[in-house]
Amino acid sequence: MRASTIAPALVVVSALTLAGCSSSTDSVGEQMAEELIESGTEGDVEIDVDDESMSMTDEEGGGFSAGDEAELPPAFPDDVPLFTYGTLVAAAVLPDDGFTATWRMESPDVGLVETYITEWENAGFTQGGFLDMSSDGTRVWTYQMTSPDLEVAVSATIADGDETADNLVSISGTYVE
């Protein structure tokens, strides 16, 4: 699955979702998007849209999922530590290329981010770098984690003292050749 074939389909699916279409129109939109993506790839694609989330998978297990009921695509790497202190809100995988995932933290707790980085280290990853771009009550931390097979950026955005803000932890990884 190539990113250039996903974008037009996402536009179709997103437009229908934002328009609040009925379930019969949703299935037509899903089918149109599936056909559009399949025309640019050699695989089968399955798209699912409901009121709270949308997802797409291909026959290789790649794809994306976003929304209140987001799930990791089947090809998401098994050896990547998952952030268990929040709710998954988006994930994507391009098999053999890379992956991303974003979680909304249950509470803005810096200690949870530090615990998560320790989980990466316990899984055999080494920390290759750290960047702190904190300002005006918002902390943005990015860690570079590496293993022989993966390079991953782990980022956390925490709005200090603001329980209503989206406090997020995101990962973005690529495979090392």
N, C-alpha and C. Protein backbone atom coordinates (compact mmCIF):
# COMPACT_ATOMS: atom_id res chain seq x y z
N MET A 1 0.85 -1.17 0.00
CA MET A 1 0.00 0.00 0.00
C MET A 1 0.89 1.23 0.00
N ARG A 2 0.67 2.15 -0.90
CA ARG A 2 1.46 3.37 -0.98
C ARG A 2 0.66 4.52 -0.42
N ALA A 3 1.37 5.47 0.20
CA ALA A 3 0.72 6.64 0.78
C ALA A 3 -0.02 7.44 -0.28
N SER A 4 0.49 7.48 -1.51
CA SER A 4 -0.14 8.26 -2.57
C SER A 4 -1.50 7.69 -2.96
N THR A 5 -1.75 6.42 -2.70
CA THR A 5 -3.06 5.86 -3.02
C THR A 5 -4.00 5.94 -1.83
N ILE A 6 -3.47 6.12 -0.64
CA ILE A 6 -4.31 6.21 0.54
C ILE A 6 -4.97 7.58 0.65
N ALA A 7 -4.24 8.64 0.32
CA ALA A 7 -4.73 10.00 0.52
C ALA A 7 -6.08 10.27 -0.16
N PRO A 8 -6.26 9.94 -1.45
CA PRO A 8 -7.58 10.21 -2.06
C PRO A 8 -8.71 9.44 -1.37
N ALA A 9 -8.44 8.22 -0.97
CA ALA A 9 -9.47 7.43 -0.30
C ALA A 9 -9.82 8.03 1.05
N LEU A 10 -8.83 8.52 1.75
CA LEU A 10 -9.10 9.15 3.04
C LEU A 10 -9.98 10.38 2.87
N VAL A 11 -9.77 11.12 1.80
CA VAL A 11 -10.60 12.29 1.54
C VAL A 11 -12.05 11.86 1.36
N VAL A 12 -12.29 10.81 0.58
CA VAL A 12 -13.66 10.32 0.36
C VAL A 12 -14.29 9.86 1.67
N VAL A 13 -13.58 9.02 2.40
CA VAL A 13 -14.11 8.48 3.65
C VAL A 13 -14.32 9.59 4.66
N SER A 14 -13.34 10.49 4.80
CA SER A 14 -13.45 11.57 5.77
C SER A 14 -14.60 12.50 5.43
N ALA A 15 -14.77 12.82 4.16
CA ALA A 15 -15.86 13.71 3.76
C ALA A 15 -17.21 13.10 4.11
N LEU A 16 -17.39 11.82 3.83
CA LEU A 16 -18.64 11.16 4.15
C LEU A 16 -18.86 11.07 5.66
N THR A 17 -17.80 10.82 6.39
CA THR A 17 -17.90 10.73 7.84
C THR A 17 -18.27 12.08 8.43
N LEU A 18 -17.59 13.15 8.00
CA LEU A 18 -17.86 14.48 8.53
C LEU A 18 -19.25 14.97 8.15
N ALA A 19 -19.75 14.53 7.01
CA ALA A 19 -21.07 14.94 6.57
C ALA A 19 -22.17 14.24 7.35
N GLY A 20 -21.82 13.23 8.14
CA GLY A 20 -22.80 12.52 8.95
C GLY A 20 -23.76 11.72 8.10
N CYS A 21 -23.25 11.07 7.10
CA CYS A 21 -24.07 10.31 6.16
C CYS A 21 -24.74 9.13 6.86
N SER A 22 -25.84 8.69 6.26
CA SER A 22 -26.55 7.53 6.78
C SER A 22 -25.72 6.28 6.55
N SER A 23 -26.11 5.18 7.21
CA SER A 23 -25.32 3.96 7.09
C SER A 23 -25.30 3.44 5.66
N SER A 24 -26.37 3.63 4.90
CA SER A 24 -26.34 3.15 3.52
C SER A 24 -25.37 3.97 2.68
N THR A 25 -25.30 5.28 2.92
CA THR A 25 -24.35 6.11 2.20
C THR A 25 -22.93 5.82 2.67
N ASP A 26 -22.77 5.53 3.96
CA ASP A 26 -21.45 5.17 4.49
C ASP A 26 -20.90 3.96 3.75
N SER A 27 -21.74 2.94 3.56
CA SER A 27 -21.24 1.73 2.90
C SER A 27 -20.88 2.01 1.44
N VAL A 28 -21.61 2.91 0.79
CA VAL A 28 -21.28 3.30 -0.59
C VAL A 28 -19.95 4.03 -0.59
N GLY A 29 -19.75 4.95 0.36
CA GLY A 29 -18.49 5.68 0.46
C GLY A 29 -17.33 4.76 0.76
N GLU A 30 -17.55 3.81 1.66
CA GLU A 30 -16.51 2.85 1.99
C GLU A 30 -16.14 2.04 0.76
N GLN A 31 -17.14 1.60 0.00
CA GLN A 31 -16.89 0.80 -1.20
C GLN A 31 -16.14 1.63 -2.24
N MET A 32 -16.53 2.91 -2.40
CA MET A 32 -15.83 3.78 -3.36
C MET A 32 -14.37 3.95 -2.97
N ALA A 33 -14.12 4.19 -1.69
CA ALA A 33 -12.75 4.37 -1.23
C ALA A 33 -11.94 3.09 -1.41
N GLU A 34 -12.55 1.93 -1.10
CA GLU A 34 -11.86 0.65 -1.27
C GLU A 34 -11.47 0.47 -2.73
N GLU A 35 -12.39 0.74 -3.65
CA GLU A 35 -12.10 0.57 -5.07
C GLU A 35 -11.02 1.54 -5.53
N LEU A 36 -11.04 2.78 -5.01
CA LEU A 36 -10.04 3.76 -5.38
C LEU A 36 -8.64 3.30 -4.95
N ILE A 37 -8.53 2.81 -3.74
CA ILE A 37 -7.23 2.35 -3.26
C ILE A 37 -6.80 1.10 -4.00
N GLU A 38 -7.72 0.16 -4.19
CA GLU A 38 -7.38 -1.09 -4.88
C GLU A 38 -6.94 -0.84 -6.31
N SER A 39 -7.47 0.23 -6.95
CA SER A 39 -7.06 0.52 -8.32
C SER A 39 -5.60 0.96 -8.38
N GLY A 40 -5.05 1.48 -7.28
CA GLY A 40 -3.66 1.92 -7.26
C GLY A 40 -2.73 0.93 -6.61
N THR A 41 -3.27 -0.19 -6.16
CA THR A 41 -2.44 -1.22 -5.52
C THR A 41 -2.81 -2.56 -6.12
N GLU A 42 -2.11 -3.58 -5.69
CA GLU A 42 -2.42 -4.92 -6.17
C GLU A 42 -3.15 -5.74 -5.12
N GLY A 43 -3.54 -5.12 -4.01
CA GLY A 43 -4.14 -5.87 -2.92
C GLY A 43 -5.59 -5.52 -2.68
N ASP A 44 -6.20 -6.30 -1.79
CA ASP A 44 -7.55 -6.02 -1.34
C ASP A 44 -7.48 -5.10 -0.15
N VAL A 45 -8.45 -4.20 -0.05
CA VAL A 45 -8.50 -3.24 1.04
C VAL A 45 -9.88 -3.32 1.67
N GLU A 46 -9.92 -3.23 2.99
CA GLU A 46 -11.18 -3.22 3.73
C GLU A 46 -11.25 -1.94 4.54
N ILE A 47 -12.30 -1.16 4.35
CA ILE A 47 -12.48 0.09 5.07
C ILE A 47 -13.73 -0.03 5.93
N ASP A 48 -13.63 0.46 7.18
CA ASP A 48 -14.75 0.43 8.11
C ASP A 48 -14.88 1.81 8.75
N VAL A 49 -16.05 2.40 8.64
CA VAL A 49 -16.32 3.70 9.24
C VAL A 49 -17.54 3.58 10.12
N ASP A 50 -17.44 4.07 11.34
CA ASP A 50 -18.63 4.18 12.17
C ASP A 50 -18.67 5.57 12.77
N ASP A 51 -19.58 5.82 13.69
CA ASP A 51 -19.76 7.16 14.22
C ASP A 51 -18.57 7.67 15.01
N GLU A 52 -17.74 6.78 15.55
CA GLU A 52 -16.69 7.20 16.44
C GLU A 52 -15.28 6.89 15.95
N SER A 53 -15.16 6.14 14.86
CA SER A 53 -13.82 5.81 14.37
C SER A 53 -13.89 5.36 12.92
N MET A 54 -12.70 5.28 12.32
CA MET A 54 -12.61 4.71 10.98
C MET A 54 -11.31 3.95 10.88
N SER A 55 -11.31 2.93 10.06
CA SER A 55 -10.11 2.13 9.89
C SER A 55 -10.07 1.56 8.49
N MET A 56 -8.86 1.19 8.09
CA MET A 56 -8.64 0.59 6.79
C MET A 56 -7.50 -0.42 6.94
N THR A 57 -7.67 -1.58 6.37
CA THR A 57 -6.59 -2.57 6.37
C THR A 57 -6.45 -3.15 4.98
N ASP A 58 -5.23 -3.60 4.69
CA ASP A 58 -5.00 -4.27 3.41
C ASP A 58 -4.65 -5.72 3.69
N GLU A 59 -4.44 -6.50 2.63
CA GLU A 59 -4.19 -7.93 2.80
C GLU A 59 -2.86 -8.23 3.47
N GLU A 60 -1.94 -7.26 3.53
CA GLU A 60 -0.66 -7.45 4.21
C GLU A 60 -0.73 -7.10 5.69
N GLY A 61 -1.90 -6.64 6.17
CA GLY A 61 -2.06 -6.25 7.57
C GLY A 61 -1.73 -4.80 7.83
N GLY A 62 -1.38 -4.06 6.80
CA GLY A 62 -1.11 -2.64 6.95
C GLY A 62 -2.41 -1.86 6.94
N GLY A 63 -2.32 -0.59 7.24
CA GLY A 63 -3.50 0.26 7.23
C GLY A 63 -3.45 1.29 8.32
N PHE A 64 -4.63 1.81 8.67
CA PHE A 64 -4.71 2.81 9.72
C PHE A 64 -6.01 2.64 10.48
N SER A 65 -6.05 3.26 11.64
CA SER A 65 -7.25 3.30 12.46
C SER A 65 -7.20 4.59 13.27
N ALA A 66 -8.32 5.28 13.38
CA ALA A 66 -8.37 6.53 14.13
C ALA A 66 -9.74 6.72 14.74
N GLY A 67 -9.77 7.35 15.89
CA GLY A 67 -11.03 7.66 16.56
C GLY A 67 -11.13 7.04 17.94
N ASP A 68 -12.31 7.14 18.50
CA ASP A 68 -12.53 6.66 19.86
C ASP A 68 -12.31 5.17 20.03
N GLU A 69 -12.48 4.41 18.97
CA GLU A 69 -12.31 2.96 19.05
C GLU A 69 -11.17 2.48 18.15
N ALA A 70 -10.10 3.28 18.09
CA ALA A 70 -8.95 2.94 17.25
C ALA A 70 -8.32 1.64 17.72
N GLU A 71 -7.79 0.88 16.77
CA GLU A 71 -7.10 -0.37 17.05
C GLU A 71 -5.80 -0.40 16.26
N LEU A 72 -4.83 -1.13 16.76
CA LEU A 72 -3.58 -1.30 16.03
C LEU A 72 -3.82 -2.15 14.79
N PRO A 73 -3.31 -1.76 13.63
CA PRO A 73 -3.41 -2.61 12.44
C PRO A 73 -2.72 -3.95 12.70
N PRO A 74 -3.17 -5.02 12.02
CA PRO A 74 -2.59 -6.35 12.26
C PRO A 74 -1.08 -6.43 12.10
N ALA A 75 -0.48 -5.67 11.20
CA ALA A 75 0.96 -5.74 10.95
C ALA A 75 1.78 -4.86 11.90
N PHE A 76 1.14 -4.29 12.93
CA PHE A 76 1.90 -3.48 13.89
C PHE A 76 2.94 -4.37 14.56
N PRO A 77 4.19 -3.92 14.67
CA PRO A 77 5.26 -4.77 15.20
C PRO A 77 4.98 -5.26 16.63
N ASP A 78 5.21 -6.54 16.86
CA ASP A 78 4.98 -7.15 18.17
C ASP A 78 6.00 -6.73 19.22
N ASP A 79 7.20 -6.35 18.79
CA ASP A 79 8.26 -6.05 19.75
C ASP A 79 8.28 -4.58 20.19
N VAL A 80 7.28 -3.81 19.81
CA VAL A 80 7.20 -2.40 20.20
C VAL A 80 6.36 -2.28 21.47
N PRO A 81 6.93 -1.68 22.54
CA PRO A 81 6.15 -1.48 23.76
C PRO A 81 4.97 -0.54 23.50
N LEU A 82 3.82 -0.90 24.01
CA LEU A 82 2.61 -0.09 23.86
C LEU A 82 2.42 0.78 25.09
N PHE A 83 1.90 1.97 24.91
CA PHE A 83 1.63 2.88 26.02
C PHE A 83 0.31 2.45 26.66
N THR A 84 0.38 1.82 27.80
CA THR A 84 -0.80 1.26 28.45
C THR A 84 -1.45 2.21 29.46
N TYR A 85 -0.98 3.45 29.51
CA TYR A 85 -1.49 4.42 30.48
C TYR A 85 -2.40 5.45 29.81
N GLY A 86 -3.05 5.04 28.73
CA GLY A 86 -3.92 5.94 27.99
C GLY A 86 -4.75 5.17 26.99
N THR A 87 -5.43 5.90 26.13
CA THR A 87 -6.33 5.33 25.14
C THR A 87 -5.76 5.56 23.74
N LEU A 88 -5.66 4.51 22.97
CA LEU A 88 -5.19 4.62 21.59
C LEU A 88 -6.19 5.45 20.79
N VAL A 89 -5.70 6.49 20.09
CA VAL A 89 -6.59 7.33 19.29
C VAL A 89 -6.26 7.28 17.80
N ALA A 90 -5.07 6.78 17.45
CA ALA A 90 -4.71 6.66 16.04
C ALA A 90 -3.51 5.72 15.89
N ALA A 91 -3.49 4.97 14.81
CA ALA A 91 -2.36 4.09 14.50
C ALA A 91 -2.33 3.83 13.01
N ALA A 92 -1.13 3.63 12.49
CA ALA A 92 -0.98 3.32 11.07
C ALA A 92 0.26 2.45 10.88
N VAL A 93 0.21 1.59 9.87
CA VAL A 93 1.34 0.73 9.52
C VAL A 93 1.43 0.65 8.01
N LEU A 94 2.64 0.86 7.52
CA LEU A 94 2.98 0.53 6.14
C LEU A 94 3.97 -0.61 6.26
N PRO A 95 3.54 -1.86 6.02
CA PRO A 95 4.44 -3.01 6.21
C PRO A 95 5.77 -2.79 5.49
N ASP A 96 6.84 -3.16 6.16
CA ASP A 96 8.20 -3.04 5.67
C ASP A 96 8.71 -1.61 5.58
N ASP A 97 7.88 -0.61 5.90
CA ASP A 97 8.32 0.79 5.88
C ASP A 97 8.35 1.39 7.28
N GLY A 98 7.20 1.43 7.94
CA GLY A 98 7.15 2.06 9.25
C GLY A 98 5.78 2.00 9.88
N PHE A 99 5.66 2.67 11.02
CA PHE A 99 4.42 2.63 11.80
C PHE A 99 4.34 3.87 12.68
N THR A 100 3.13 4.19 13.10
CA THR A 100 2.89 5.25 14.06
C THR A 100 1.75 4.83 14.98
N ALA A 101 1.71 5.42 16.15
CA ALA A 101 0.59 5.24 17.08
C ALA A 101 0.55 6.43 18.02
N THR A 102 -0.65 6.84 18.39
CA THR A 102 -0.83 7.95 19.33
C THR A 102 -1.86 7.56 20.37
N TRP A 103 -1.52 7.84 21.63
CA TRP A 103 -2.41 7.58 22.75
C TRP A 103 -2.72 8.89 23.47
N ARG A 104 -3.95 9.02 23.95
CA ARG A 104 -4.33 10.13 24.82
C ARG A 104 -4.11 9.65 26.25
N MET A 105 -3.30 10.39 27.00
CA MET A 105 -2.99 10.00 28.37
C MET A 105 -4.22 10.17 29.26
N GLU A 106 -4.34 9.28 30.23
CA GLU A 106 -5.45 9.37 31.18
C GLU A 106 -5.29 10.58 32.10
N SER A 107 -4.04 10.92 32.41
CA SER A 107 -3.76 12.11 33.22
C SER A 107 -2.40 12.65 32.79
N PRO A 108 -2.18 13.97 32.92
CA PRO A 108 -0.91 14.56 32.48
C PRO A 108 0.19 14.28 33.49
N ASP A 109 0.76 13.09 33.42
CA ASP A 109 1.73 12.64 34.41
C ASP A 109 3.07 12.35 33.74
N VAL A 110 4.07 13.18 34.03
CA VAL A 110 5.40 13.01 33.47
C VAL A 110 5.99 11.66 33.87
N GLY A 111 5.66 11.18 35.06
CA GLY A 111 6.16 9.90 35.53
C GLY A 111 5.74 8.74 34.64
N LEU A 112 4.55 8.83 34.04
CA LEU A 112 4.09 7.77 33.14
C LEU A 112 4.95 7.73 31.88
N VAL A 113 5.37 8.89 31.40
CA VAL A 113 6.24 8.95 30.22
C VAL A 113 7.60 8.34 30.57
N GLU A 114 8.13 8.67 31.73
CA GLU A 114 9.42 8.11 32.14
C GLU A 114 9.33 6.59 32.29
N THR A 115 8.21 6.10 32.84
CA THR A 115 7.99 4.66 32.97
C THR A 115 7.94 4.00 31.60
N TYR A 116 7.28 4.65 30.65
CA TYR A 116 7.18 4.13 29.29
C TYR A 116 8.56 4.02 28.64
N ILE A 117 9.41 5.03 28.83
CA ILE A 117 10.76 4.98 28.26
C ILE A 117 11.54 3.83 28.89
N THR A 118 11.36 3.61 30.17
CA THR A 118 12.01 2.47 30.84
C THR A 118 11.54 1.15 30.23
N GLU A 119 10.26 1.06 29.86
CA GLU A 119 9.75 -0.15 29.21
C GLU A 119 10.46 -0.38 27.87
N TRP A 120 10.74 0.68 27.12
CA TRP A 120 11.49 0.55 25.87
C TRP A 120 12.88 0.00 26.14
N GLU A 121 13.54 0.56 27.17
CA GLU A 121 14.88 0.10 27.50
C GLU A 121 14.87 -1.35 27.95
N ASN A 122 13.86 -1.74 28.72
CA ASN A 122 13.74 -3.13 29.17
C ASN A 122 13.47 -4.08 28.01
N ALA A 123 12.92 -3.55 26.91
CA ALA A 123 12.64 -4.37 25.72
C ALA A 123 13.87 -4.45 24.80
N GLY A 124 14.99 -3.87 25.22
CA GLY A 124 16.21 -3.98 24.43
C GLY A 124 16.53 -2.78 23.57
N PHE A 125 15.78 -1.70 23.69
CA PHE A 125 16.06 -0.48 22.93
C PHE A 125 17.01 0.40 23.72
N THR A 126 17.83 1.17 23.00
CA THR A 126 18.71 2.13 23.67
C THR A 126 18.26 3.54 23.32
N GLN A 127 18.47 4.43 24.27
CA GLN A 127 18.09 5.82 24.04
C GLN A 127 19.23 6.51 23.31
N GLY A 128 18.95 7.01 22.11
CA GLY A 128 19.98 7.64 21.30
C GLY A 128 19.96 9.15 21.38
N GLY A 129 18.95 9.72 21.98
CA GLY A 129 18.86 11.16 22.07
C GLY A 129 17.60 11.58 22.80
N PHE A 130 17.59 12.84 23.23
CA PHE A 130 16.45 13.39 23.97
C PHE A 130 16.36 14.87 23.65
N LEU A 131 15.15 15.34 23.42
CA LEU A 131 14.91 16.76 23.14
C LEU A 131 13.76 17.24 24.02
N ASP A 132 13.97 18.33 24.73
CA ASP A 132 12.95 18.92 25.59
C ASP A 132 12.62 20.30 25.05
N MET A 133 11.41 20.46 24.54
CA MET A 133 10.98 21.74 23.98
C MET A 133 9.85 22.32 24.82
N SER A 134 10.00 22.34 26.12
CA SER A 134 8.98 22.81 27.02
C SER A 134 8.92 24.33 27.05
N SER A 135 7.67 24.85 27.06
CA SER A 135 7.47 26.29 27.19
C SER A 135 6.01 26.58 27.50
N ASP A 136 5.77 27.68 28.15
CA ASP A 136 4.42 28.17 28.43
C ASP A 136 3.48 27.11 28.98
N GLY A 137 3.94 26.30 29.89
CA GLY A 137 3.07 25.32 30.54
C GLY A 137 2.85 24.04 29.75
N THR A 138 3.45 23.93 28.59
CA THR A 138 3.33 22.70 27.80
C THR A 138 4.71 22.08 27.67
N ARG A 139 4.79 20.80 27.99
CA ARG A 139 6.05 20.08 27.88
C ARG A 139 5.98 19.18 26.65
N VAL A 140 6.98 19.27 25.81
CA VAL A 140 7.08 18.40 24.64
C VAL A 140 8.45 17.72 24.70
N TRP A 141 8.41 16.43 24.92
CA TRP A 141 9.63 15.63 25.01
C TRP A 141 9.68 14.67 23.84
N THR A 142 10.86 14.49 23.27
CA THR A 142 11.04 13.50 22.22
C THR A 142 12.29 12.68 22.53
N TYR A 143 12.11 11.38 22.52
CA TYR A 143 13.19 10.44 22.76
C TYR A 143 13.47 9.67 21.47
N GLN A 144 14.74 9.41 21.19
CA GLN A 144 15.10 8.56 20.07
C GLN A 144 15.48 7.19 20.65
N MET A 145 14.73 6.16 20.27
CA MET A 145 14.97 4.81 20.76
C MET A 145 15.38 3.95 19.57
N THR A 146 16.42 3.14 19.75
CA THR A 146 16.90 2.31 18.65
C THR A 146 17.12 0.87 19.11
N SER A 147 16.97 -0.01 18.16
CA SER A 147 17.31 -1.42 18.33
C SER A 147 18.00 -1.83 17.02
N PRO A 148 18.50 -3.04 16.93
CA PRO A 148 19.13 -3.44 15.67
C PRO A 148 18.18 -3.36 14.46
N ASP A 149 16.86 -3.48 14.70
CA ASP A 149 15.89 -3.52 13.60
C ASP A 149 15.05 -2.25 13.43
N LEU A 150 14.99 -1.40 14.48
CA LEU A 150 14.07 -0.26 14.46
C LEU A 150 14.71 1.02 14.95
N GLU A 151 14.25 2.13 14.38
CA GLU A 151 14.54 3.47 14.90
C GLU A 151 13.18 4.10 15.18
N VAL A 152 12.98 4.54 16.43
CA VAL A 152 11.67 5.02 16.84
C VAL A 152 11.80 6.35 17.57
N ALA A 153 10.94 7.30 17.24
CA ALA A 153 10.81 8.54 17.99
C ALA A 153 9.61 8.38 18.91
N VAL A 154 9.82 8.63 20.20
CA VAL A 154 8.75 8.59 21.18
C VAL A 154 8.57 10.02 21.66
N SER A 155 7.38 10.59 21.45
CA SER A 155 7.12 11.97 21.83
C SER A 155 5.97 12.04 22.81
N ALA A 156 6.09 12.96 23.75
CA ALA A 156 5.03 13.20 24.72
C ALA A 156 4.74 14.69 24.77
N THR A 157 3.47 15.05 24.73
CA THR A 157 3.03 16.43 24.87
C THR A 157 2.13 16.49 26.09
N ILE A 158 2.56 17.25 27.09
CA ILE A 158 1.81 17.34 28.34
C ILE A 158 1.56 18.80 28.67
N ALA A 159 0.30 19.15 28.85
CA ALA A 159 -0.08 20.49 29.25
C ALA A 159 -0.15 20.50 30.78
N ASP A 160 0.89 21.03 31.41
CA ASP A 160 0.96 21.04 32.87
C ASP A 160 -0.23 21.76 33.48
N GLY A 161 -0.91 21.08 34.39
CA GLY A 161 -2.01 21.68 35.13
C GLY A 161 -3.30 21.81 34.36
N ASP A 162 -3.37 21.31 33.15
CA ASP A 162 -4.60 21.42 32.36
C ASP A 162 -5.15 20.01 32.10
N GLU A 163 -6.07 19.59 32.96
CA GLU A 163 -6.66 18.26 32.86
C GLU A 163 -7.53 18.10 31.61
N THR A 164 -7.99 19.21 31.00
CA THR A 164 -8.88 19.13 29.85
C THR A 164 -8.13 19.06 28.52
N ALA A 165 -6.84 19.36 28.53
CA ALA A 165 -6.05 19.35 27.29
C ALA A 165 -5.79 17.91 26.86
N ASP A 166 -5.58 17.73 25.57
CA ASP A 166 -5.15 16.42 25.07
C ASP A 166 -3.68 16.26 25.36
N ASN A 167 -3.38 15.39 26.31
CA ASN A 167 -2.01 15.05 26.65
C ASN A 167 -1.71 13.76 25.90
N LEU A 168 -0.76 13.82 24.98
CA LEU A 168 -0.56 12.73 24.04
C LEU A 168 0.83 12.11 24.13
N VAL A 169 0.89 10.84 23.84
CA VAL A 169 2.15 10.12 23.65
C VAL A 169 2.07 9.49 22.27
N SER A 170 3.08 9.77 21.45
CA SER A 170 3.11 9.26 20.07
C SER A 170 4.42 8.56 19.80
N ILE A 171 4.34 7.54 18.96
CA ILE A 171 5.55 6.87 18.48
C ILE A 171 5.52 6.85 16.96
N SER A 172 6.70 6.93 16.38
CA SER A 172 6.83 6.86 14.93
C SER A 172 8.11 6.11 14.65
N GLY A 173 8.00 4.97 13.97
CA GLY A 173 9.17 4.14 13.77
C GLY A 173 9.38 3.73 12.34
N THR A 174 10.64 3.43 12.03
CA THR A 174 11.01 2.90 10.73
C THR A 174 11.91 1.69 10.94
N TYR A 175 11.92 0.82 9.97
CA TYR A 175 12.75 -0.37 10.01
C TYR A 175 14.14 -0.06 9.50
N VAL A 176 15.15 -0.58 10.18
CA VAL A 176 16.54 -0.38 9.79
C VAL A 176 16.91 -1.51 8.83
N GLU A 177 17.52 -1.16 7.72
CA GLU A 177 17.89 -2.17 6.73
C GLU A 177 19.31 -2.61 6.90
